[in-house]
């Protein structure tokens, strides 16, 4: 079974989103968001093909996938032989070019 590895970028982005939700919508909503993310990430080792291919990152040397959390967040990840790397937690209200600049090598 593959292990899930969170990149520094993903951890930082996730923390910022949780903090934003807590500050603007309350701690209860932030906890629910965190639970939603955890549930989806927990499924990945068994069902790593769960997410769709990320069209904004087609030019990358990696095949990135995403899982949508709610309407505004994507968990961007890639699958290797031994792991699932969470590359970013992306607020979809941001410019698509920013995502490609962050993740395409």
Foldseek 3Di string as FASTA:
>chain_A
DAAEAEDPQAVVQLVVVLVVCCVPPNNVVSVVLVVQVVVVVVCCVVCVVPFAFDPLQPVAPFGWGWDDRPPFWIQIWGDDPHHIYRHHIGGNVDDSVVVNVRPHD
